[in-house]
Structures are given as structure tokens and as C-alpha cells.
């Protein structure tokens, strides 16, 4: 998940202002804290729901 998030943000950053990129990084850090080590292919709806309830 971490690697995919890095790639996604790099792709999106080309069209974003610095303040938006910063905001995205803060938000993605919350995702990384719970799901960052998960394999993207193995991520389940339950994983995401648990993350949402945790946050």
C-alpha cells in the first residue's frame, strides 16, 4: 500500500498546489499508519471499514 500511495501522490502532485499536496500527505499518513504495510491486492473492504472506525 505504501508504494502505491507514493506513486499515486507523485502522479497527482503534477496538477496540485503545494498546500493541497501537503494536505494529501497528512491524510495519507493516517492511512499509512494502519494500512501502509498491507498488500494492495490483499486489501479488503473490512480492512478499510476498520480503518475508518479507528480514525
PDB file of N, CA and C in Angstrom:
ATOM      1  N   UNK A   1       0.819  -1.185   0.000  1.00  0.00           N
ATOM      2  CA  UNK A   1       0.000   0.000   0.000  1.00  0.00           C
ATOM      3  C   UNK A   1       0.868   1.256   0.000  1.00  0.00           C
ATOM      4  N   UNK A   2       1.913   1.279   0.813  1.00  0.00           N
ATOM      5  CA  UNK A   2       2.786   2.453   0.874  1.00  0.00           C
ATOM      6  C   UNK A   2       3.315   2.830  -0.503  1.00  0.00           C
ATOM      7  N   UNK A   3       3.801   1.857  -1.230  1.00  0.00           N
ATOM      8  CA  UNK A   3       4.381   2.112  -2.551  1.00  0.00           C
ATOM      9  C   UNK A   3       3.329   2.691  -3.501  1.00  0.00           C
ATOM     10  N   UNK A   4       2.133   2.117  -3.478  1.00  0.00           N
ATOM     11  CA  UNK A   4       1.075   2.608  -4.355  1.00  0.00           C
ATOM     12  C   UNK A   4       0.688   4.037  -3.981  1.00  0.00           C
ATOM     13  N   UNK A   5       0.608   4.326  -2.693  1.00  0.00           N
ATOM     14  CA  UNK A   5       0.278   5.685  -2.257  1.00  0.00           C
ATOM     15  C   UNK A   5       1.330   6.681  -2.732  1.00  0.00           C
ATOM     16  N   UNK A   6       2.603   6.298  -2.655  1.00  0.00           N
ATOM     17  CA  UNK A   6       3.675   7.171  -3.148  1.00  0.00           C
ATOM     18  C   UNK A   6       3.512   7.449  -4.638  1.00  0.00           C
ATOM     19  N   UNK A   7       3.225   6.412  -5.403  1.00  0.00           N
ATOM     20  CA  UNK A   7       3.058   6.571  -6.851  1.00  0.00           C
ATOM     21  C   UNK A   7       1.834   7.439  -7.164  1.00  0.00           C
ATOM     22  N   UNK A   8       0.755   7.198  -6.463  1.00  0.00           N
ATOM     23  CA  UNK A   8      -0.471   7.964  -6.693  1.00  0.00           C
ATOM     24  C   UNK A   8      -0.242   9.440  -6.417  1.00  0.00           C
ATOM     25  N   UNK A   9       0.396   9.735  -5.274  1.00  0.00           N
ATOM     26  CA  UNK A   9       0.617  11.133  -4.914  1.00  0.00           C
ATOM     27  C   UNK A   9       1.567  11.802  -5.902  1.00  0.00           C
ATOM     28  N   UNK A  10       2.597  11.110  -6.329  1.00  0.00           N
ATOM     29  CA  UNK A  10       3.531  11.682  -7.304  1.00  0.00           C
ATOM     30  C   UNK A  10       2.803  12.014  -8.606  1.00  0.00           C
ATOM     31  N   UNK A  11       1.916  11.152  -9.036  1.00  0.00           N
ATOM     32  CA  UNK A  11       1.161  11.377 -10.261  1.00  0.00           C
ATOM     33  C   UNK A  11       0.218  12.581 -10.093  1.00  0.00           C
ATOM     34  N   UNK A  12      -0.488  12.642  -8.968  1.00  0.00           N
ATOM     35  CA  UNK A  12      -1.437  13.725  -8.721  1.00  0.00           C
ATOM     36  C   UNK A  12      -0.740  15.060  -8.475  1.00  0.00           C
ATOM     37  N   UNK A  13       0.446  15.024  -7.886  1.00  0.00           N
ATOM     38  CA  UNK A  13       1.144  16.246  -7.490  1.00  0.00           C
ATOM     39  C   UNK A  13       1.454  17.154  -8.670  1.00  0.00           C
ATOM     40  N   UNK A  14       1.544  16.587  -9.854  1.00  0.00           N
ATOM     41  CA  UNK A  14       1.833  17.399 -11.038  1.00  0.00           C
ATOM     42  C   UNK A  14       0.766  18.459 -11.269  1.00  0.00           C
ATOM     43  N   UNK A  15      -0.461  18.195 -10.842  1.00  0.00           N
ATOM     44  CA  UNK A  15      -1.582  19.097 -11.097  1.00  0.00           C
ATOM     45  C   UNK A  15      -2.095  19.797  -9.843  1.00  0.00           C
ATOM     46  N   UNK A  16      -1.365  19.691  -8.735  1.00  0.00           N
ATOM     47  CA  UNK A  16      -1.856  20.229  -7.471  1.00  0.00           C
ATOM     48  C   UNK A  16      -0.960  21.351  -6.953  1.00  0.00           C
ATOM     49  N   UNK A  17      -1.553  22.211  -6.154  1.00  0.00           N
ATOM     50  CA  UNK A  17      -0.772  23.250  -5.488  1.00  0.00           C
ATOM     51  C   UNK A  17      -0.108  22.659  -4.247  1.00  0.00           C
ATOM     52  N   UNK A  18       0.922  23.315  -3.771  1.00  0.00           N
ATOM     53  CA  UNK A  18       1.696  22.816  -2.626  1.00  0.00           C
ATOM     54  C   UNK A  18       0.825  22.598  -1.393  1.00  0.00           C
ATOM     55  N   UNK A  19      -0.092  23.503  -1.127  1.00  0.00           N
ATOM     56  CA  UNK A  19      -0.955  23.361   0.058  1.00  0.00           C
ATOM     57  C   UNK A  19      -1.817  22.106  -0.048  1.00  0.00           C
ATOM     58  N   UNK A  20      -2.275  21.797  -1.240  1.00  0.00           N
ATOM     59  CA  UNK A  20      -3.097  20.606  -1.442  1.00  0.00           C
ATOM     60  C   UNK A  20      -2.253  19.352  -1.282  1.00  0.00           C
ATOM     61  N   UNK A  21      -1.061  19.368  -1.831  1.00  0.00           N
ATOM     62  CA  UNK A  21      -0.155  18.223  -1.691  1.00  0.00           C
ATOM     63  C   UNK A  21       0.126  17.971  -0.213  1.00  0.00           C
ATOM     64  N   UNK A  22       0.384  19.032   0.536  1.00  0.00           N
ATOM     65  CA  UNK A  22       0.632  18.906   1.971  1.00  0.00           C
ATOM     66  C   UNK A  22      -0.568  18.274   2.671  1.00  0.00           C
ATOM     67  N   UNK A  23      -1.763  18.738   2.350  1.00  0.00           N
ATOM     68  CA  UNK A  23      -2.979  18.199   2.949  1.00  0.00           C
ATOM     69  C   UNK A  23      -3.140  16.716   2.614  1.00  0.00           C
ATOM     70  N   UNK A  24      -2.880  16.357   1.379  1.00  0.00           N
ATOM     71  CA  UNK A  24      -2.954  14.948   0.978  1.00  0.00           C
ATOM     72  C   UNK A  24      -1.948  14.111   1.763  1.00  0.00           C
ATOM     73  N   UNK A  25      -0.731  14.636   1.928  1.00  0.00           N
ATOM     74  CA  UNK A  25       0.298  13.878   2.670  1.00  0.00           C
ATOM     75  C   UNK A  25      -0.136  13.620   4.105  1.00  0.00           C
ATOM     76  N   UNK A  26      -0.716  14.622   4.736  1.00  0.00           N
ATOM     77  CA  UNK A  26      -1.193  14.464   6.117  1.00  0.00           C
ATOM     78  C   UNK A  26      -2.262  13.372   6.172  1.00  0.00           C
ATOM     79  N   UNK A  27      -3.195  13.428   5.243  1.00  0.00           N
ATOM     80  CA  UNK A  27      -4.269  12.430   5.194  1.00  0.00           C
ATOM     81  C   UNK A  27      -3.708  11.045   4.916  1.00  0.00           C
ATOM     82  N   UNK A  28      -2.790  10.947   3.964  1.00  0.00           N
ATOM     83  CA  UNK A  28      -2.221   9.649   3.610  1.00  0.00           C
ATOM     84  C   UNK A  28      -1.386   9.074   4.747  1.00  0.00           C
ATOM     85  N   UNK A  29      -0.793   9.918   5.569  1.00  0.00           N
ATOM     86  CA  UNK A  29      -0.054   9.417   6.730  1.00  0.00           C
ATOM     87  C   UNK A  29      -0.969   8.648   7.673  1.00  0.00           C
ATOM     88  N   UNK A  30      -2.217   9.088   7.772  1.00  0.00           N
ATOM     89  CA  UNK A  30      -3.187   8.367   8.609  1.00  0.00           C
ATOM     90  C   UNK A  30      -3.494   6.993   8.015  1.00  0.00           C
ATOM     91  N   UNK A  31      -3.576   6.931   6.705  1.00  0.00           N
ATOM     92  CA  UNK A  31      -3.807   5.654   6.032  1.00  0.00           C
ATOM     93  C   UNK A  31      -2.594   4.751   6.227  1.00  0.00           C
ATOM     94  N   UNK A  32      -1.429   5.300   6.029  1.00  0.00           N
ATOM     95  CA  UNK A  32      -0.192   4.514   6.159  1.00  0.00           C
ATOM     96  C   UNK A  32      -0.034   3.914   7.556  1.00  0.00           C
ATOM     97  N   UNK A  33      -0.464   4.671   8.555  1.00  0.00           N
ATOM     98  CA  UNK A  33      -0.321   4.217   9.930  1.00  0.00           C
ATOM     99  C   UNK A  33      -1.024   2.891  10.202  1.00  0.00           C
ATOM    100  N   UNK A  34      -2.106   2.641   9.523  1.00  0.00           N
ATOM    101  CA  UNK A  34      -2.879   1.412   9.752  1.00  0.00           C
ATOM    102  C   UNK A  34      -2.818   0.430   8.583  1.00  0.00           C
ATOM    103  N   UNK A  35      -2.692   0.953   7.369  1.00  0.00           N
ATOM    104  CA  UNK A  35      -2.791   0.089   6.199  1.00  0.00           C
ATOM    105  C   UNK A  35      -1.533   0.093   5.329  1.00  0.00           C
ATOM    106  N   UNK A  36      -0.558   0.892   5.688  1.00  0.00           N
ATOM    107  CA  UNK A  36       0.617   1.065   4.848  1.00  0.00           C
ATOM    108  C   UNK A  36       1.367  -0.217   4.526  1.00  0.00           C
ATOM    109  N   UNK A  37       1.402  -1.151   5.451  1.00  0.00           N
ATOM    110  CA  UNK A  37       2.142  -2.393   5.230  1.00  0.00           C
ATOM    111  C   UNK A  37       1.304  -3.463   4.528  1.00  0.00           C
ATOM    112  N   UNK A  38       0.031  -3.198   4.353  1.00  0.00           N
ATOM    113  CA  UNK A  38      -0.857  -4.175   3.703  1.00  0.00           C
ATOM    114  C   UNK A  38      -0.527  -4.273   2.218  1.00  0.00           C
ATOM    115  N   UNK A  39      -0.692  -5.461   1.690  1.00  0.00           N
ATOM    116  CA  UNK A  39      -0.556  -5.641   0.242  1.00  0.00           C
ATOM    117  C   UNK A  39      -1.818  -5.098  -0.408  1.00  0.00           C
ATOM    118  N   UNK A  40      -1.626  -4.272  -1.410  1.00  0.00           N
ATOM    119  CA  UNK A  40      -2.765  -3.652  -2.075  1.00  0.00           C
ATOM    120  C   UNK A  40      -3.729  -4.711  -2.612  1.00  0.00           C
ATOM    121  N   UNK A  41      -3.187  -5.781  -3.177  1.00  0.00           N
ATOM    122  CA  UNK A  41      -4.021  -6.840  -3.734  1.00  0.00           C
ATOM    123  C   UNK A  41      -4.810  -7.571  -2.658  1.00  0.00           C
ATOM    124  N   UNK A  42      -4.322  -7.532  -1.433  1.00  0.00           N
ATOM    125  CA  UNK A  42      -4.985  -8.242  -0.346  1.00  0.00           C
ATOM    126  C   UNK A  42      -5.903  -7.374   0.491  1.00  0.00           C
ATOM    127  N   UNK A  43      -5.971  -6.083   0.168  1.00  0.00           N
ATOM    128  CA  UNK A  43      -6.782  -5.154   0.932  1.00  0.00           C
ATOM    129  C   UNK A  43      -8.259  -5.490   0.757  1.00  0.00           C
ATOM    130  N   UNK A  44      -8.962  -5.538   1.863  1.00  0.00           N
ATOM    131  CA  UNK A  44     -10.382  -5.893   1.807  1.00  0.00           C
ATOM    132  C   UNK A  44     -11.246  -4.707   2.232  1.00  0.00           C
ATOM    133  N   UNK A  45     -12.509  -4.822   1.937  1.00  0.00           N
ATOM    134  CA  UNK A  45     -13.466  -3.812   2.376  1.00  0.00           C
ATOM    135  C   UNK A  45     -13.472  -3.734   3.901  1.00  0.00           C
ATOM    136  N   UNK A  46     -13.334  -4.874   4.545  1.00  0.00           N
ATOM    137  CA  UNK A  46     -13.301  -4.908   6.012  1.00  0.00           C
ATOM    138  C   UNK A  46     -12.094  -4.143   6.542  1.00  0.00           C
ATOM    139  N   UNK A  47     -10.930  -4.279   5.890  1.00  0.00           N
ATOM    140  CA  UNK A  47      -9.740  -3.524   6.300  1.00  0.00           C
ATOM    141  C   UNK A  47     -10.022  -2.026   6.279  1.00  0.00           C
ATOM    142  N   UNK A  48     -10.634  -1.568   5.215  1.00  0.00           N
ATOM    143  CA  UNK A  48     -10.924  -0.144   5.061  1.00  0.00           C
ATOM    144  C   UNK A  48     -11.966   0.307   6.087  1.00  0.00           C
ATOM    145  N   UNK A  49     -12.981  -0.499   6.305  1.00  0.00           N
ATOM    146  CA  UNK A  49     -14.003  -0.152   7.295  1.00  0.00           C
ATOM    147  C   UNK A  49     -13.401  -0.068   8.696  1.00  0.00           C
ATOM    148  N   UNK A  50     -12.512  -0.994   9.034  1.00  0.00           N
ATOM    149  CA  UNK A  50     -11.854  -0.950  10.345  1.00  0.00           C
ATOM    150  C   UNK A  50     -10.998   0.304  10.467  1.00  0.00           C
ATOM    151  N   UNK A  51     -10.317   0.682   9.395  1.00  0.00           N
ATOM    152  CA  UNK A  51      -9.507   1.900   9.413  1.00  0.00           C
ATOM    153  C   UNK A  51     -10.408   3.126   9.626  1.00  0.00           C
ATOM    154  N   UNK A  52     -11.534   3.149   8.968  1.00  0.00           N
ATOM    155  CA  UNK A  52     -12.449   4.277   9.098  1.00  0.00           C
ATOM    156  C   UNK A  52     -12.991   4.392  10.516  1.00  0.00           C
ATOM    157  N   UNK A  53     -13.274   3.272  11.146  1.00  0.00           N
ATOM    158  CA  UNK A  53     -13.784   3.283  12.516  1.00  0.00           C
ATOM    159  C   UNK A  53     -12.692   3.639  13.507  1.00  0.00           C
ATOM    160  N   UNK A  54     -11.458   3.274  13.201  1.00  0.00           N
ATOM    161  CA  UNK A  54     -10.325   3.587  14.067  1.00  0.00           C
ATOM    162  C   UNK A  54     -10.030   5.077  14.075  1.00  0.00           C
ATOM    163  N   UNK A  55     -10.097   5.683  12.864  1.00  0.00           N
ATOM    164  CA  UNK A  55      -9.720   7.097  12.693  1.00  0.00           C
ATOM    165  C   UNK A  55     -10.645   8.012  13.360  1.00  0.00           C
TER     166      UNK A  55
END
